[in-house]
Amino acid sequence: LTTRDPRRLLDEGTIDLAVGFFPAVVADLTAQAQGSGLAAFNHQR
């Protein structure tokens, strides 16, 4: 893992799954879900 935001790698299909501590990404996805309800990524603790 070379970044705290692996969304580009997931979007490009370079990896199937990223595992790590992604506080900024999770906060962003939570905000998107509370707003539009649409997010391009999902996560599980």
ModelCIF file with pLDDT and N, C-alpha, C, O atoms, coordinates in Angstrom:
data_MODEL
#
_entry.id   MODEL 
#
_entity.id                         1 
_entity.type                       polymer 
_entity.pdbx_number_of_molecules   1 
#
_entity_poly.entity_id                      1 
_entity_poly.type                           'polypeptide(L)' 
_entity_poly.nstd_linkage                   no 
_entity_poly.nstd_monomer                   no 
_entity_poly.pdbx_seq_one_letter_code       LTTRDPRRLLDEGTIDLAVGFFPAVVADLTAQAQGSGLAAFNHQR 
_entity_poly.pdbx_seq_one_letter_code_can   LTTRDPRRLLDEGTIDLAVGFFPAVVADLTAQAQGSGLAAFNHQR 
_entity_poly.pdbx_strand_id                 A 
#
loop_
_entity_poly_seq.entity_id 
_entity_poly_seq.num 
_entity_poly_seq.mon_id 
_entity_poly_seq.hetero 
1 1  LEU n 
1 2  THR n 
1 3  THR n 
1 4  ARG n 
1 5  ASP n 
1 6  PRO n 
1 7  ARG n 
1 8  ARG n 
1 9  LEU n 
1 10 LEU n 
1 11 ASP n 
1 12 GLU n 
1 13 GLY n 
1 14 THR n 
1 15 ILE n 
1 16 ASP n 
1 17 LEU n 
1 18 ALA n 
1 19 VAL n 
1 20 GLY n 
1 21 PHE n 
1 22 PHE n 
1 23 PRO n 
1 24 ALA n 
1 25 VAL n 
1 26 VAL n 
1 27 ALA n 
1 28 ASP n 
1 29 LEU n 
1 30 THR n 
1 31 ALA n 
1 32 GLN n 
1 33 ALA n 
1 34 GLN n 
1 35 GLY n 
1 36 SER n 
1 37 GLY n 
1 38 LEU n 
1 39 ALA n 
1 40 ALA n 
1 41 PHE n 
1 42 ASN n 
1 43 HIS n 
1 44 GLN n 
1 45 ARG n 
#
_struct_asym.id          A 
_struct_asym.entity_id   1 
#
loop_
_ma_qa_metric.id 
_ma_qa_metric.mode 
_ma_qa_metric.name 
_ma_qa_metric.software_group_id 
_ma_qa_metric.type 
1 global pLDDT . pLDDT 
2 local  pLDDT . pLDDT 
#
_ma_qa_metric_global.metric_id      1 
_ma_qa_metric_global.metric_value   87.67 
_ma_qa_metric_global.model_id       1 
_ma_qa_metric_global.ordinal_id     1 
#
loop_
_ma_qa_metric_local.label_asym_id 
_ma_qa_metric_local.label_comp_id 
_ma_qa_metric_local.label_seq_id 
_ma_qa_metric_local.metric_id 
_ma_qa_metric_local.metric_value 
_ma_qa_metric_local.model_id 
_ma_qa_metric_local.ordinal_id 
A LEU 1  2 92.00 1 1  
A THR 2  2 88.00 1 2  
A THR 3  2 89.00 1 3  
A ARG 4  2 88.00 1 4  
A ASP 5  2 93.00 1 5  
A PRO 6  2 95.00 1 6  
A ARG 7  2 94.00 1 7  
A ARG 8  2 91.00 1 8  
A LEU 9  2 92.00 1 9  
A LEU 10 2 91.00 1 10 
A ASP 11 2 86.00 1 11 
A GLU 12 2 83.00 1 12 
A GLY 13 2 84.00 1 13 
A THR 14 2 88.00 1 14 
A ILE 15 2 94.00 1 15 
A ASP 16 2 94.00 1 16 
A LEU 17 2 96.00 1 17 
A ALA 18 2 97.00 1 18 
A VAL 19 2 97.00 1 19 
A GLY 20 2 94.00 1 20 
A PHE 21 2 91.00 1 21 
A PHE 22 2 93.00 1 22 
A PRO 23 2 90.00 1 23 
A ALA 24 2 90.00 1 24 
A VAL 25 2 94.00 1 25 
A VAL 26 2 92.00 1 26 
A ALA 27 2 91.00 1 27 
A ASP 28 2 91.00 1 28 
A LEU 29 2 89.00 1 29 
A THR 30 2 87.00 1 30 
A ALA 31 2 86.00 1 31 
A GLN 32 2 82.00 1 32 
A ALA 33 2 76.00 1 33 
A GLN 34 2 77.00 1 34 
A GLY 35 2 72.00 1 35 
A SER 36 2 64.00 1 36 
A GLY 37 2 62.00 1 37 
A LEU 38 2 67.00 1 38 
A ALA 39 2 76.00 1 39 
A ALA 40 2 84.00 1 40 
A PHE 41 2 91.00 1 41 
A ASN 42 2 92.00 1 42 
A HIS 43 2 94.00 1 43 
A GLN 44 2 94.00 1 44 
A ARG 45 2 94.00 1 45 
#
loop_
_atom_site.group_PDB 
_atom_site.id 
_atom_site.type_symbol 
_atom_site.label_atom_id 
_atom_site.label_alt_id 
_atom_site.label_comp_id 
_atom_site.label_asym_id 
_atom_site.label_entity_id 
_atom_site.label_seq_id 
_atom_site.pdbx_PDB_ins_code 
_atom_site.Cartn_x 
_atom_site.Cartn_y 
_atom_site.Cartn_z 
_atom_site.occupancy 
_atom_site.B_iso_or_equiv 
_atom_site.pdbx_formal_charge 
_atom_site.auth_seq_id 
_atom_site.auth_comp_id 
_atom_site.auth_asym_id 
_atom_site.auth_atom_id 
_atom_site.pdbx_PDB_model_num 
ATOM 1   N N  . LEU A 1 1  ? 0.851   -1.179 0.000   1.00 92.00 ? 1  LEU A N  1 
ATOM 2   C CA . LEU A 1 1  ? 0.000   0.000  0.000   1.00 92.00 ? 1  LEU A CA 1 
ATOM 3   C C  . LEU A 1 1  ? 0.891   1.235  0.000   1.00 92.00 ? 1  LEU A C  1 
ATOM 4   O O  . LEU A 1 1  ? 1.747   1.378  0.873   1.00 92.00 ? 1  LEU A O  1 
ATOM 5   N N  . THR A 1 2  ? 0.704   2.118  -0.958  1.00 88.00 ? 2  THR A N  1 
ATOM 6   C CA . THR A 1 2  ? 1.581   3.283  -1.093  1.00 88.00 ? 2  THR A CA 1 
ATOM 7   C C  . THR A 1 2  ? 0.837   4.591  -0.910  1.00 88.00 ? 2  THR A C  1 
ATOM 8   O O  . THR A 1 2  ? 1.390   5.657  -1.180  1.00 88.00 ? 2  THR A O  1 
ATOM 9   N N  . THR A 1 3  ? -0.411  4.530  -0.456  1.00 89.00 ? 3  THR A N  1 
ATOM 10  C CA . THR A 1 3  ? -1.215  5.742  -0.317  1.00 89.00 ? 3  THR A CA 1 
ATOM 11  C C  . THR A 1 3  ? -2.304  5.524  0.719   1.00 89.00 ? 3  THR A C  1 
ATOM 12  O O  . THR A 1 3  ? -2.731  4.394  0.955   1.00 89.00 ? 3  THR A O  1 
ATOM 13  N N  . ARG A 1 4  ? -2.755  6.618  1.338   1.00 88.00 ? 4  ARG A N  1 
ATOM 14  C CA . ARG A 1 4  ? -3.904  6.548  2.235   1.00 88.00 ? 4  ARG A CA 1 
ATOM 15  C C  . ARG A 1 4  ? -5.215  6.731  1.479   1.00 88.00 ? 4  ARG A C  1 
ATOM 16  O O  . ARG A 1 4  ? -6.289  6.694  2.079   1.00 88.00 ? 4  ARG A O  1 
ATOM 17  N N  . ASP A 1 5  ? -5.131  6.928  0.167   1.00 93.00 ? 5  ASP A N  1 
ATOM 18  C CA . ASP A 1 5  ? -6.340  7.058  -0.655  1.00 93.00 ? 5  ASP A CA 1 
ATOM 19  C C  . ASP A 1 5  ? -6.178  6.209  -1.914  1.00 93.00 ? 5  ASP A C  1 
ATOM 20  O O  . ASP A 1 5  ? -5.736  6.717  -2.945  1.00 93.00 ? 5  ASP A O  1 
ATOM 21  N N  . PRO A 1 6  ? -6.529  4.923  -1.846  1.00 95.00 ? 6  PRO A N  1 
ATOM 22  C CA . PRO A 1 6  ? -6.308  4.015  -2.973  1.00 95.00 ? 6  PRO A CA 1 
ATOM 23  C C  . PRO A 1 6  ? -7.449  3.986  -3.989  1.00 95.00 ? 6  PRO A C  1 
ATOM 24  O O  . PRO A 1 6  ? -7.536  3.052  -4.786  1.00 95.00 ? 6  PRO A O  1 
ATOM 25  N N  . ARG A 1 7  ? -8.316  4.986  -3.974  1.00 94.00 ? 7  ARG A N  1 
ATOM 26  C CA . ARG A 1 7  ? -9.475  4.945  -4.866  1.00 94.00 ? 7  ARG A CA 1 
ATOM 27  C C  . ARG A 1 7  ? -9.093  4.938  -6.340  1.00 94.00 ? 7  ARG A C  1 
ATOM 28  O O  . ARG A 1 7  ? -9.779  4.319  -7.154  1.00 94.00 ? 7  ARG A O  1 
ATOM 29  N N  . ARG A 1 8  ? -8.008  5.617  -6.690  1.00 91.00 ? 8  ARG A N  1 
ATOM 30  C CA . ARG A 1 8  ? -7.602  5.614  -8.101  1.00 91.00 ? 8  ARG A CA 1 
ATOM 31  C C  . ARG A 1 8  ? -7.207  4.201  -8.537  1.00 91.00 ? 8  ARG A C  1 
ATOM 32  O O  . ARG A 1 8  ? -7.552  3.777  -9.640  1.00 91.00 ? 8  ARG A O  1 
ATOM 33  N N  . LEU A 1 9  ? -6.492  3.475  -7.685  1.00 92.00 ? 9  LEU A N  1 
ATOM 34  C CA . LEU A 1 9  ? -6.085  2.109  -8.003  1.00 92.00 ? 9  LEU A CA 1 
ATOM 35  C C  . LEU A 1 9  ? -7.295  1.204  -8.171  1.00 92.00 ? 9  LEU A C  1 
ATOM 36  O O  . LEU A 1 9  ? -7.317  0.336  -9.043  1.00 92.00 ? 9  LEU A O  1 
ATOM 37  N N  . LEU A 1 10 ? -8.299  1.413  -7.331  1.00 91.00 ? 10 LEU A N  1 
ATOM 38  C CA . LEU A 1 10 ? -9.526  0.621  -7.434  1.00 91.00 ? 10 LEU A CA 1 
ATOM 39  C C  . LEU A 1 10 ? -10.312 0.992  -8.682  1.00 91.00 ? 10 LEU A C  1 
ATOM 40  O O  . LEU A 1 10 ? -10.868 0.120  -9.350  1.00 91.00 ? 10 LEU A O  1 
ATOM 41  N N  . ASP A 1 11 ? -10.361 2.266  -8.996  1.00 86.00 ? 11 ASP A N  1 
ATOM 42  C CA . ASP A 1 11 ? -11.098 2.731  -10.163 1.00 86.00 ? 11 ASP A CA 1 
ATOM 43  C C  . ASP A 1 11 ? -10.462 2.216  -11.446 1.00 86.00 ? 11 ASP A C  1 
ATOM 44  O O  . ASP A 1 11 ? -11.165 1.846  -12.386 1.00 86.00 ? 11 ASP A O  1 
ATOM 45  N N  . GLU A 1 12 ? -9.128  2.191  -11.485 1.00 83.00 ? 12 GLU A N  1 
ATOM 46  C CA . GLU A 1 12 ? -8.422  1.708  -12.672 1.00 83.00 ? 12 GLU A CA 1 
ATOM 47  C C  . GLU A 1 12 ? -8.431  0.185  -12.751 1.00 83.00 ? 12 GLU A C  1 
ATOM 48  O O  . GLU A 1 12 ? -8.104  -0.383 -13.793 1.00 83.00 ? 12 GLU A O  1 
ATOM 49  N N  . GLY A 1 13 ? -8.798  -0.471 -11.674 1.00 84.00 ? 13 GLY A N  1 
ATOM 50  C CA . GLY A 1 13 ? -8.810  -1.929 -11.667 1.00 84.00 ? 13 GLY A CA 1 
ATOM 51  C C  . GLY A 1 13 ? -7.455  -2.545 -11.415 1.00 84.00 ? 13 GLY A C  1 
ATOM 52  O O  . GLY A 1 13 ? -7.277  -3.745 -11.626 1.00 84.00 ? 13 GLY A O  1 
ATOM 53  N N  . THR A 1 14 ? -6.487  -1.749 -10.965 1.00 88.00 ? 14 THR A N  1 
ATOM 54  C CA . THR A 1 14 ? -5.162  -2.275 -10.659 1.00 88.00 ? 14 THR A CA 1 
ATOM 55  C C  . THR A 1 14 ? -5.237  -3.269 -9.506  1.00 88.00 ? 14 THR A C  1 
ATOM 56  O O  . THR A 1 14 ? -4.485  -4.243 -9.466  1.00 88.00 ? 14 THR A O  1 
ATOM 57  N N  . ILE A 1 15 ? -6.149  -3.018 -8.571  1.00 94.00 ? 15 ILE A N  1 
ATOM 58  C CA . ILE A 1 15 ? -6.351  -3.915 -7.429  1.00 94.00 ? 15 ILE A CA 1 
ATOM 59  C C  . ILE A 1 15 ? -7.841  -4.213 -7.289  1.00 94.00 ? 15 ILE A C  1 
ATOM 60  O O  . ILE A 1 15 ? -8.687  -3.440 -7.739  1.00 94.00 ? 15 ILE A O  1 
ATOM 61  N N  . ASP A 1 16 ? -8.147  -5.338 -6.662  1.00 94.00 ? 16 ASP A N  1 
ATOM 62  C CA . ASP A 1 16 ? -9.540  -5.703 -6.396  1.00 94.00 ? 16 ASP A CA 1 
ATOM 63  C C  . ASP A 1 16 ? -10.021 -5.150 -5.063  1.00 94.00 ? 16 ASP A C  1 
ATOM 64  O O  . ASP A 1 16 ? -11.208 -4.877 -4.888  1.00 94.00 ? 16 ASP A O  1 
ATOM 65  N N  . LEU A 1 17 ? -9.095  -4.988 -4.125  1.00 96.00 ? 17 LEU A N  1 
ATOM 66  C CA . LEU A 1 17 ? -9.470  -4.613 -2.771  1.00 96.00 ? 17 LEU A CA 1 
ATOM 67  C C  . LEU A 1 17 ? -8.278  -3.935 -2.113  1.00 96.00 ? 17 LEU A C  1 
ATOM 68  O O  . LEU A 1 17 ? -7.137  -4.368 -2.271  1.00 96.00 ? 17 LEU A O  1 
ATOM 69  N N  . ALA A 1 18 ? -8.554  -2.871 -1.375  1.00 97.00 ? 18 ALA A N  1 
ATOM 70  C CA . ALA A 1 18 ? -7.524  -2.224 -0.567  1.00 97.00 ? 18 ALA A CA 1 
ATOM 71  C C  . ALA A 1 18 ? -7.893  -2.402 0.892   1.00 97.00 ? 18 ALA A C  1 
ATOM 72  O O  . ALA A 1 18 ? -9.067  -2.335 1.254   1.00 97.00 ? 18 ALA A O  1 
ATOM 73  N N  . VAL A 1 19 ? -6.901  -2.626 1.724   1.00 97.00 ? 19 VAL A N  1 
ATOM 74  C CA . VAL A 1 19 ? -7.137  -2.826 3.149   1.00 97.00 ? 19 VAL A CA 1 
ATOM 75  C C  . VAL A 1 19 ? -6.193  -1.918 3.921   1.00 97.00 ? 19 VAL A C  1 
ATOM 76  O O  . VAL A 1 19 ? -4.980  -1.959 3.717   1.00 97.00 ? 19 VAL A O  1 
ATOM 77  N N  . GLY A 1 20 ? -6.749  -1.097 4.807   1.00 94.00 ? 20 GLY A N  1 
ATOM 78  C CA . GLY A 1 20 ? -5.887  -0.212 5.570   1.00 94.00 ? 20 GLY A CA 1 
ATOM 79  C C  . GLY A 1 20 ? -6.670  0.801  6.373   1.00 94.00 ? 20 GLY A C  1 
ATOM 80  O O  . GLY A 1 20 ? -7.883  0.685  6.547   1.00 94.00 ? 20 GLY A O  1 
ATOM 81  N N  . PHE A 1 21 ? -5.948  1.801  6.861   1.00 91.00 ? 21 PHE A N  1 
ATOM 82  C CA . PHE A 1 21 ? -6.493  2.883  7.666   1.00 91.00 ? 21 PHE A CA 1 
ATOM 83  C C  . PHE A 1 21 ? -6.705  4.070  6.744   1.00 91.00 ? 21 PHE A C  1 
ATOM 84  O O  . PHE A 1 21 ? -5.749  4.753  6.376   1.00 91.00 ? 21 PHE A O  1 
ATOM 85  N N  . PHE A 1 22 ? -7.975  4.322  6.362   1.00 93.00 ? 22 PHE A N  1 
ATOM 86  C CA . PHE A 1 22 ? -8.303  5.343  5.364   1.00 93.00 ? 22 PHE A CA 1 
ATOM 87  C C  . PHE A 1 22 ? -9.299  6.358  5.946   1.00 93.00 ? 22 PHE A C  1 
ATOM 88  O O  . PHE A 1 22 ? -10.414 6.472  5.437   1.00 93.00 ? 22 PHE A O  1 
ATOM 89  N N  . PRO A 1 23 ? -8.931  7.083  6.980   1.00 90.00 ? 23 PRO A N  1 
ATOM 90  C CA . PRO A 1 23 ? -9.914  7.950  7.647   1.00 90.00 ? 23 PRO A CA 1 
ATOM 91  C C  . PRO A 1 23 ? -10.515 9.014  6.743   1.00 90.00 ? 23 PRO A C  1 
ATOM 92  O O  . PRO A 1 23 ? -11.719 9.264  6.804   1.00 90.00 ? 23 PRO A O  1 
ATOM 93  N N  . ALA A 1 24 ? -9.694  9.650  5.901   1.00 90.00 ? 24 ALA A N  1 
ATOM 94  C CA . ALA A 1 24 ? -10.216 10.708 5.032   1.00 90.00 ? 24 ALA A CA 1 
ATOM 95  C C  . ALA A 1 24 ? -11.157 10.138 3.978   1.00 90.00 ? 24 ALA A C  1 
ATOM 96  O O  . ALA A 1 24 ? -12.175 10.752 3.657   1.00 90.00 ? 24 ALA A O  1 
ATOM 97  N N  . VAL A 1 25 ? -10.825 8.968  3.438   1.00 94.00 ? 25 VAL A N  1 
ATOM 98  C CA . VAL A 1 25 ? -11.669 8.331  2.427   1.00 94.00 ? 25 VAL A CA 1 
ATOM 99  C C  . VAL A 1 25 ? -13.019 7.937  3.033   1.00 94.00 ? 25 VAL A C  1 
ATOM 100 O O  . VAL A 1 25 ? -14.066 8.198  2.440   1.00 94.00 ? 25 VAL A O  1 
ATOM 101 N N  . VAL A 1 26 ? -12.994 7.312  4.207   1.00 92.00 ? 26 VAL A N  1 
ATOM 102 C CA . VAL A 1 26 ? -14.237 6.883  4.848   1.00 92.00 ? 26 VAL A CA 1 
ATOM 103 C C  . VAL A 1 26 ? -15.106 8.087  5.186   1.00 92.00 ? 26 VAL A C  1 
ATOM 104 O O  . VAL A 1 26 ? -16.324 8.032  5.019   1.00 92.00 ? 26 VAL A O  1 
ATOM 105 N N  . ALA A 1 27 ? -14.501 9.175  5.657   1.00 91.00 ? 27 ALA A N  1 
ATOM 106 C CA . ALA A 1 27 ? -15.263 10.385 5.960   1.00 91.00 ? 27 ALA A CA 1 
ATOM 107 C C  . ALA A 1 27 ? -15.906 10.945 4.698   1.00 91.00 ? 27 ALA A C  1 
ATOM 108 O O  . ALA A 1 27 ? -17.052 11.394 4.728   1.00 91.00 ? 27 ALA A O  1 
ATOM 109 N N  . ASP A 1 28 ? -15.168 10.919 3.585   1.00 91.00 ? 28 ASP A N  1 
ATOM 110 C CA . ASP A 1 28 ? -15.700 11.416 2.325   1.00 91.00 ? 28 ASP A CA 1 
ATOM 111 C C  . ASP A 1 28 ? -16.865 10.551 1.837   1.00 91.00 ? 28 ASP A C  1 
ATOM 112 O O  . ASP A 1 28 ? -17.883 11.079 1.389   1.00 91.00 ? 28 ASP A O  1 
ATOM 113 N N  . LEU A 1 29 ? -16.720 9.229  1.922   1.00 89.00 ? 29 LEU A N  1 
ATOM 114 C CA . LEU A 1 29 ? -17.784 8.327  1.483   1.00 89.00 ? 29 LEU A CA 1 
ATOM 115 C C  . LEU A 1 29 ? -19.024 8.469  2.367   1.00 89.00 ? 29 LEU A C  1 
ATOM 116 O O  . LEU A 1 29 ? -20.151 8.388  1.877   1.00 89.00 ? 29 LEU A O  1 
ATOM 117 N N  . THR A 1 30 ? -18.817 8.679  3.666   1.00 87.00 ? 30 THR A N  1 
ATOM 118 C CA . THR A 1 30 ? -19.940 8.876  4.581   1.00 87.00 ? 30 THR A CA 1 
ATOM 119 C C  . THR A 1 30 ? -20.701 10.149 4.225   1.00 87.00 ? 30 THR A C  1 
ATOM 120 O O  . THR A 1 30 ? -21.932 10.172 4.232   1.00 87.00 ? 30 THR A O  1 
ATOM 121 N N  . ALA A 1 31 ? -19.952 11.209 3.912   1.00 86.00 ? 31 ALA A N  1 
ATOM 122 C CA . ALA A 1 31 ? -20.584 12.475 3.527   1.00 86.00 ? 31 ALA A CA 1 
ATOM 123 C C  . ALA A 1 31 ? -21.367 12.317 2.229   1.00 86.00 ? 31 ALA A C  1 
ATOM 124 O O  . ALA A 1 31 ? -22.464 12.860 2.096   1.00 86.00 ? 31 ALA A O  1 
ATOM 125 N N  . GLN A 1 32 ? -20.811 11.577 1.272   1.00 82.00 ? 32 GLN A N  1 
ATOM 126 C CA . GLN A 1 32 ? -21.512 11.345 0.012   1.00 82.00 ? 32 GLN A CA 1 
ATOM 127 C C  . GLN A 1 32 ? -22.802 10.566 0.243   1.00 82.00 ? 32 GLN A C  1 
ATOM 128 O O  . GLN A 1 32 ? -23.842 10.879 -0.336  1.00 82.00 ? 32 GLN A O  1 
ATOM 129 N N  . ALA A 1 33 ? -22.720 9.551  1.095   1.00 76.00 ? 33 ALA A N  1 
ATOM 130 C CA . ALA A 1 33 ? -23.909 8.731  1.374   1.00 76.00 ? 33 ALA A CA 1 
ATOM 131 C C  . ALA A 1 33 ? -25.005 9.545  2.045   1.00 76.00 ? 33 ALA A C  1 
ATOM 132 O O  . ALA A 1 33 ? -26.190 9.338  1.780   1.00 76.00 ? 33 ALA A O  1 
ATOM 133 N N  . GLN A 1 34 ? -24.612 10.468 2.911   1.00 77.00 ? 34 GLN A N  1 
ATOM 134 C CA . GLN A 1 34 ? -25.585 11.301 3.602   1.00 77.00 ? 34 GLN A CA 1 
ATOM 135 C C  . GLN A 1 34 ? -26.160 12.389 2.697   1.00 77.00 ? 34 GLN A C  1 
ATOM 136 O O  . GLN A 1 34 ? -27.244 12.916 2.945   1.00 77.00 ? 34 GLN A O  1 
ATOM 137 N N  . GLY A 1 35 ? -25.408 12.711 1.643   1.00 72.00 ? 35 GLY A N  1 
ATOM 138 C CA . GLY A 1 35 ? -25.869 13.728 0.707   1.00 72.00 ? 35 GLY A CA 1 
ATOM 139 C C  . GLY A 1 35 ? -26.688 13.129 -0.415  1.00 72.00 ? 35 GLY A C  1 
ATOM 140 O O  . GLY A 1 35 ? -27.911 13.031 -0.323  1.00 72.00 ? 35 GLY A O  1 
ATOM 141 N N  . SER A 1 36 ? -26.002 12.727 -1.481  1.00 64.00 ? 36 SER A N  1 
ATOM 142 C CA . SER A 1 36 ? -26.688 12.181 -2.652  1.00 64.00 ? 36 SER A CA 1 
ATOM 143 C C  . SER A 1 36 ? -27.107 10.735 -2.460  1.00 64.00 ? 36 SER A C  1 
ATOM 144 O O  . SER A 1 36 ? -28.001 10.240 -3.146  1.00 64.00 ? 36 SER A O  1 
ATOM 145 N N  . GLY A 1 37 ? -26.452 10.058 -1.517  1.00 62.00 ? 37 GLY A N  1 
ATOM 146 C CA . GLY A 1 37 ? -26.733 8.640  -1.348  1.00 62.00 ? 37 GLY A CA 1 
ATOM 147 C C  . GLY A 1 37 ? -25.991 7.776  -2.344  1.00 62.00 ? 37 GLY A C  1 
ATOM 148 O O  . GLY A 1 37 ? -26.122 6.552  -2.322  1.00 62.00 ? 37 GLY A O  1 
ATOM 149 N N  . LEU A 1 38 ? -25.206 8.400  -3.227  1.00 67.00 ? 38 LEU A N  1 
ATOM 150 C CA . LEU A 1 38 ? -24.467 7.671  -4.256  1.00 67.00 ? 38 LEU A CA 1 
ATOM 151 C C  . LEU A 1 38 ? -22.974 7.796  -3.991  1.00 67.00 ? 38 LEU A C  1 
ATOM 152 O O  . LEU A 1 38 ? -22.470 8.902  -3.793  1.00 67.00 ? 38 LEU A O  1 
ATOM 153 N N  . ALA A 1 39 ? -22.278 6.698  -3.985  1.00 76.00 ? 39 ALA A N  1 
ATOM 154 C CA . ALA A 1 39 ? -20.830 6.696  -3.820  1.00 76.00 ? 39 ALA A CA 1 
ATOM 155 C C  . ALA A 1 39 ? -20.256 5.616  -4.727  1.00 76.00 ? 39 ALA A C  1 
ATOM 156 O O  . ALA A 1 39 ? -20.851 4.553  -4.902  1.00 76.00 ? 39 ALA A O  1 
ATOM 157 N N  . ALA A 1 40 ? -19.100 5.901  -5.295  1.00 84.00 ? 40 ALA A N  1 
ATOM 158 C CA . ALA A 1 40 ? -18.489 4.955  -6.232  1.00 84.00 ? 40 ALA A CA 1 
ATOM 159 C C  . ALA A 1 40 ? -17.750 3.841  -5.519  1.00 84.00 ? 40 ALA A C  1 
ATOM 160 O O  . ALA A 1 40 ? -17.318 2.882  -6.158  1.00 84.00 ? 40 ALA A O  1 
ATOM 161 N N  . PHE A 1 41 ? -17.594 3.948  -4.189  1.00 91.00 ? 41 PHE A N  1 
ATOM 162 C CA . PHE A 1 41 ? -16.820 2.964  -3.446  1.00 91.00 ? 41 PHE A CA 1 
ATOM 163 C C  . PHE A 1 41 ? -17.578 2.549  -2.192  1.00 91.00 ? 41 PHE A C  1 
ATOM 164 O O  . PHE A 1 41 ? -18.394 3.299  -1.657  1.00 91.00 ? 41 PHE A O  1 
ATOM 165 N N  . ASN A 1 42 ? -17.283 1.331  -1.738  1.00 92.00 ? 42 ASN A N  1 
ATOM 166 C CA . ASN A 1 42 ? -17.878 0.809  -0.516  1.00 92.00 ? 42 ASN A CA 1 
ATOM 167 C C  . ASN A 1 42 ? -16.768 0.365  0.428   1.00 92.00 ? 42 ASN A C  1 
ATOM 168 O O  . ASN A 1 42 ? -15.634 0.141  0.004   1.00 92.00 ? 42 ASN A O  1 
ATOM 169 N N  . HIS A 1 43 ? -17.098 0.239  1.704   1.00 94.00 ? 43 HIS A N  1 
ATOM 170 C CA . HIS A 1 43 ? -16.075 -0.150 2.676   1.00 94.00 ? 43 HIS A CA 1 
ATOM 171 C C  . HIS A 1 43 ? -16.709 -0.963 3.792   1.00 94.00 ? 43 HIS A C  1 
ATOM 172 O O  . HIS A 1 43 ? -17.922 -0.932 4.000   1.00 94.00 ? 43 HIS A O  1 
ATOM 173 N N  . GLN A 1 44 ? -15.856 -1.694 4.507   1.00 94.00 ? 44 GLN A N  1 
ATOM 174 C CA . GLN A 1 44 ? -16.293 -2.510 5.645   1.00 94.00 ? 44 GLN A CA 1 
ATOM 175 C C  . GLN A 1 44 ? -15.178 -2.516 6.684   1.00 94.00 ? 44 GLN A C  1 
ATOM 176 O O  . GLN A 1 44 ? -14.017 -2.750 6.350   1.00 94.00 ? 44 GLN A O  1 
ATOM 177 N N  . ARG A 1 45 ? -15.526 -2.261 7.936   1.00 94.00 ? 45 ARG A N  1 
ATOM 178 C CA . ARG A 1 45 ? -14.515 -2.283 8.991   1.00 94.00 ? 45 ARG A CA 1 
ATOM 179 C C  . ARG A 1 45 ? -14.152 -3.718 9.330   1.00 94.00 ? 45 ARG A C  1 
ATOM 180 O O  . ARG A 1 45 ? -13.314 -3.955 10.200  1.00 94.00 ? 45 ARG A O  1 
#
